[in-house]
C-alpha atoms as a PDB file:
ATOM      1  CA  MET A   1     151.175  53.201  71.844  1.00  0.00           C
ATOM      2  CA  THR A   2     147.768  54.867  71.678  1.00  0.00           C
ATOM      3  CA  ILE A   3     147.175  57.794  74.029  1.00  0.00           C
ATOM      4  CA  PRO A   4     143.653  57.664  75.534  1.00  0.00           C
ATOM      5  CA  ARG A   5     141.183  60.559  75.427  1.00  0.00           C
ATOM      6  CA  LYS A   6     141.103  63.286  78.074  1.00  0.00           C
ATOM      7  CA  GLY A   7     140.203  62.220  81.573  1.00  0.00           C
ATOM      8  CA  PRO A   8     140.753  63.118  85.223  1.00  0.00           C
ATOM      9  CA  HIS A   9     143.871  60.967  85.631  1.00  0.00           C
ATOM     10  CA  MET A  10     145.913  62.401  82.773  1.00  0.00           C
ATOM     11  CA  ILE A  11     149.414  63.923  82.613  1.00  0.00           C
ATOM     12  CA  ASN A  12     149.785  66.845  80.202  1.00  0.00           C
ATOM     13  CA  TYR A  13     153.224  67.421  78.692  1.00  0.00           C
ATOM     14  CA  LYS A  14     154.963  68.572  75.484  1.00  0.00           C
ATOM     15  CA  CYS A  15     156.914  66.551  72.951  1.00  0.00           C
ATOM     16  CA  GLU A  16     160.623  67.290  73.368  1.00  0.00           C
ATOM     17  CA  ALA A  17     161.163  67.181  69.595  1.00  0.00           C
ATOM     18  CA  CYS A  18     158.273  69.144  68.051  1.00  0.00           C
ATOM     19  CA  GLY A  19     156.535  70.833  71.025  1.00  0.00           C
ATOM     20  CA  GLU A  20     153.180  69.129  70.382  1.00  0.00           C
ATOM     21  CA  GLU A  21     150.836  69.129  73.413  1.00  0.00           C
ATOM     22  CA  LEU A  22     150.483  65.532  74.613  1.00  0.00           C
ATOM     23  CA  GLU A  23     148.713  63.707  77.404  1.00  0.00           C
ATOM     24  CA  ALA A  24     148.939  60.260  78.900  1.00  0.00           C
ATOM     25  CA  PRO A  25     147.256  58.453  81.813  1.00  0.00           C
ATOM     26  CA  ASN A  26     149.024  58.554  85.196  1.00  0.00           C
ATOM     27  CA  ASN A  27     149.819  54.832  85.001  1.00  0.00           C
ATOM     28  CA  LEU A  28     152.143  55.504  82.021  1.00  0.00           C
ATOM     29  CA  SER A  29     154.349  57.966  83.950  1.00  0.00           C
ATOM     30  CA  GLY A  30     158.015  57.101  83.471  1.00  0.00           C
ATOM     31  CA  LYS A  31     157.252  54.835  80.507  1.00  0.00           C
ATOM     32  CA  PRO A  32     157.998  55.535  76.834  1.00  0.00           C
ATOM     33  CA  ALA A  33     155.254  57.023  74.659  1.00  0.00           C
ATOM     34  CA  GLU A  34     155.258  58.112  71.031  1.00  0.00           C
ATOM     35  CA  CYS A  35     154.276  61.581  69.835  1.00  0.00           C
ATOM     36  CA  HIS A  36     151.333  61.273  67.435  1.00  0.00           C
ATOM     37  CA  LYS A  37     152.694  64.152  65.327  1.00  0.00           C
ATOM     38  CA  CYS A  38     156.438  63.519  64.846  1.00  0.00           C
ATOM     39  CA  HIS A  39     156.687  59.939  66.245  1.00  0.00           C
ATOM     40  CA  ASN A  40     159.427  60.917  68.688  1.00  0.00           C
ATOM     41  CA  VAL A  41     159.568  58.474  71.610  1.00  0.00           C
ATOM     42  CA  GLN A  42     160.115  59.921  75.076  1.00  0.00           C
ATOM     43  CA  ASN A  43     159.261  58.950  78.634  1.00  0.00           C
ATOM     44  CA  VAL A  44     155.996  60.301  80.007  1.00  0.00           C
ATOM     45  CA  PRO A  45     156.942  62.685  82.855  1.00  0.00           C
ATOM     46  CA  LEU A  46     155.953  62.020  86.426  1.00  0.00           C
ATOM     47  CA  PRO A  47     152.700  63.723  87.419  1.00  0.00           C
ATOM     48  CA  GLU A  48     153.003  66.988  89.300  1.00  0.00           C
ATOM     49  CA  PHE A  49     150.760  65.666  92.054  1.00  0.00           C
ATOM     50  CA  LEU A  50     150.028  62.048  92.847  1.00  0.00           C
ATOM     51  CA  PRO A  51     150.033  61.638  96.626  1.00  0.00           C
ATOM     52  CA  ARG A  52     149.497  58.527  98.644  1.00  0.00           C
ATOM     53  CA  VAL A  53     147.091  59.417 101.394  1.00  0.00           C
ATOM     54  CA  ALA A  54     145.732  57.056 104.032  1.00  0.00           C
ATOM     55  CA  CYS A  55     142.459  57.531 105.864  1.00  0.00           C
ATOM     56  CA  PRO A  56     143.134  58.414 109.519  1.00  0.00           C
ATOM     57  CA  ASN A  57     140.188  56.260 110.600  1.00  0.00           C
ATOM     58  CA  CYS A  58     140.472  52.976 108.665  1.00  0.00           C
ATOM     59  CA  GLU A  59     143.944  53.415 107.080  1.00  0.00           C
ATOM     60  CA  HIS A  60     142.536  52.722 103.583  1.00  0.00           C
ATOM     61  CA  GLU A  61     144.931  54.156 100.970  1.00  0.00           C
ATOM     62  CA  LEU A  62     143.318  56.678  98.637  1.00  0.00           C
ATOM     63  CA  ASP A  63     145.415  56.129  95.530  1.00  0.00           C
ATOM     64  CA  ASP A  64     143.199  57.601  92.815  1.00  0.00           C
ATOM     65  CA  LEU A  65     143.532  61.275  93.749  1.00  0.00           C
ATOM     66  CA  THR A  66     143.902  63.934  91.058  1.00  0.00           C
ATOM     67  CA  ASP A  67     145.499  67.388  90.799  1.00  0.00           C
ATOM     68  CA  ASP A  68     142.154  69.150  91.194  1.00  0.00           C
ATOM     69  CA  GLN A  69     141.667  67.514  94.619  1.00  0.00           C
ATOM     70  CA  ALA A  70     144.849  69.081  96.082  1.00  0.00           C
ATOM     71  CA  GLY A  71     144.034  70.953  99.289  1.00  0.00           C
ATOM     72  CA  LEU A  72     140.489  69.586  99.498  1.00  0.00           C
ATOM     73  CA  ILE A  73     138.798  67.292 101.946  1.00  0.00           C
ATOM     74  CA  VAL A  74     137.522  64.093 100.332  1.00  0.00           C
ATOM     75  CA  LYS A  75     135.422  61.228 101.633  1.00  0.00           C
ATOM     76  CA  CYS A  76     137.102  57.865 102.243  1.00  0.00           C
ATOM     77  CA  PRO A  77     135.408  55.336  99.935  1.00  0.00           C
ATOM     78  CA  LYS A  78     135.773  52.590 102.547  1.00  0.00           C
ATOM     79  CA  CYS A  79     134.530  54.162 105.806  1.00  0.00           C
ATOM     80  CA  GLY A  80     133.212  57.606 104.791  1.00  0.00           C
ATOM     81  CA  CYS A  81     135.644  59.537 107.005  1.00  0.00           C
ATOM     82  CA  ALA A  82     136.781  62.975 105.814  1.00  0.00           C
ATOM     83  CA  VAL A  83     140.376  62.893 104.554  1.00  0.00           C
ATOM     84  CA  ARG A  84     142.497  65.985 103.869  1.00  0.00           C
ATOM     85  CA  VAL A  85     144.415  65.832 100.570  1.00  0.00           C
ATOM     86  CA  PRO A  86     147.789  67.627 100.826  1.00  0.00           C
ATOM     87  CA  GLU A  87     148.407  70.837  98.896  1.00  0.00           C
ATOM     88  CA  LYS A  88     150.593  70.749  95.810  1.00  0.00           C
ATOM     89  CA  GLY A  89     154.231  71.036  96.776  1.00  0.00           C
ATOM     90  CA  GLY A  90     153.913  68.908  99.901  1.00  0.00           C
ATOM     91  CA  GLY A  91     152.506  71.500 102.320  1.00  0.00           C
ATOM     92  CA  SER A  92     150.670  69.939 105.219  1.00  0.00           C
ATOM     93  CA  GLY A  93     147.755  72.358 105.092  1.00  0.00           C
ATOM     94  CA  CYS A  94     146.734  71.404 108.618  1.00  0.00           C
ATOM     95  CA  GLY A  95     144.424  73.771 110.391  1.00  0.00           C
ATOM     96  CA  LEU A  96     141.177  74.156 112.277  1.00  0.00           C
ATOM     97  CA  SER A  97     139.081  73.278 109.219  1.00  0.00           C
ATOM     98  CA  VAL A  98     140.886  69.929 108.969  1.00  0.00           C
ATOM     99  CA  LEU A  99     140.216  69.155 112.629  1.00  0.00           C
ATOM    100  CA  VAL A 100     136.540  70.058 112.274  1.00  0.00           C
ATOM    101  CA  ALA A 101     136.233  67.961 109.098  1.00  0.00           C
ATOM    102  CA  LEU A 102     137.887  64.969 110.733  1.00  0.00           C
ATOM    103  CA  LEU A 103     135.679  65.226 113.795  1.00  0.00           C
ATOM    104  CA  VAL A 104     132.534  65.491 111.700  1.00  0.00           C
ATOM    105  CA  GLY A 105     133.666  62.887 109.172  1.00  0.00           C
ATOM    106  CA  CYS A 106     134.830  60.244 111.654  1.00  0.00           C
ATOM    107  CA  GLY A 107     132.439  61.032 114.482  1.00  0.00           C
ATOM    108  CA  LEU A 108     132.980  62.487 117.913  1.00  0.00           C
ATOM    109  CA  THR A 109     132.738  59.225 119.847  1.00  0.00           C
ATOM    110  CA  TRP A 110     136.458  58.431 119.828  1.00  0.00           C
ATOM    111  CA  LEU A 111     137.302  61.959 121.000  1.00  0.00           C
ATOM    112  CA  THR A 112     134.653  61.909 123.722  1.00  0.00           C
ATOM    113  CA  PHE A 113     135.791  58.476 124.904  1.00  0.00           C
ATOM    114  CA  GLY A 114     139.404  59.657 125.121  1.00  0.00           C
ATOM    115  CA  LEU A 115     138.518  62.809 127.114  1.00  0.00           C
ATOM    116  CA  VAL A 116     136.256  61.048 129.616  1.00  0.00           C
ATOM    117  CA  ARG A 117     138.935  58.603 130.732  1.00  0.00           C
END
């Protein structure tokens, strides 16, 4: 199996036999891969961070998130709403900045409508 070049959706790990630094795309996690140096075959480890996050506005699932986006606010590709990506380790990271980002990203109309009633 050929390991692709470096990219944003890569898992970095070491060969269990020779210690060679290896990398594989996220979609190969849990599948066998061969070390290019010693030809040892081992399963690609699960990525440290690969959350499934849904947009609070349109419920579109953002499934192409990377480690470097942990803790950030990203734009939903479907509706443009601001979506908070969880911190590494599963922390919620909720706070005032998230509320402000959601209000700005999704618009204030739904909040205003709910308060007026």
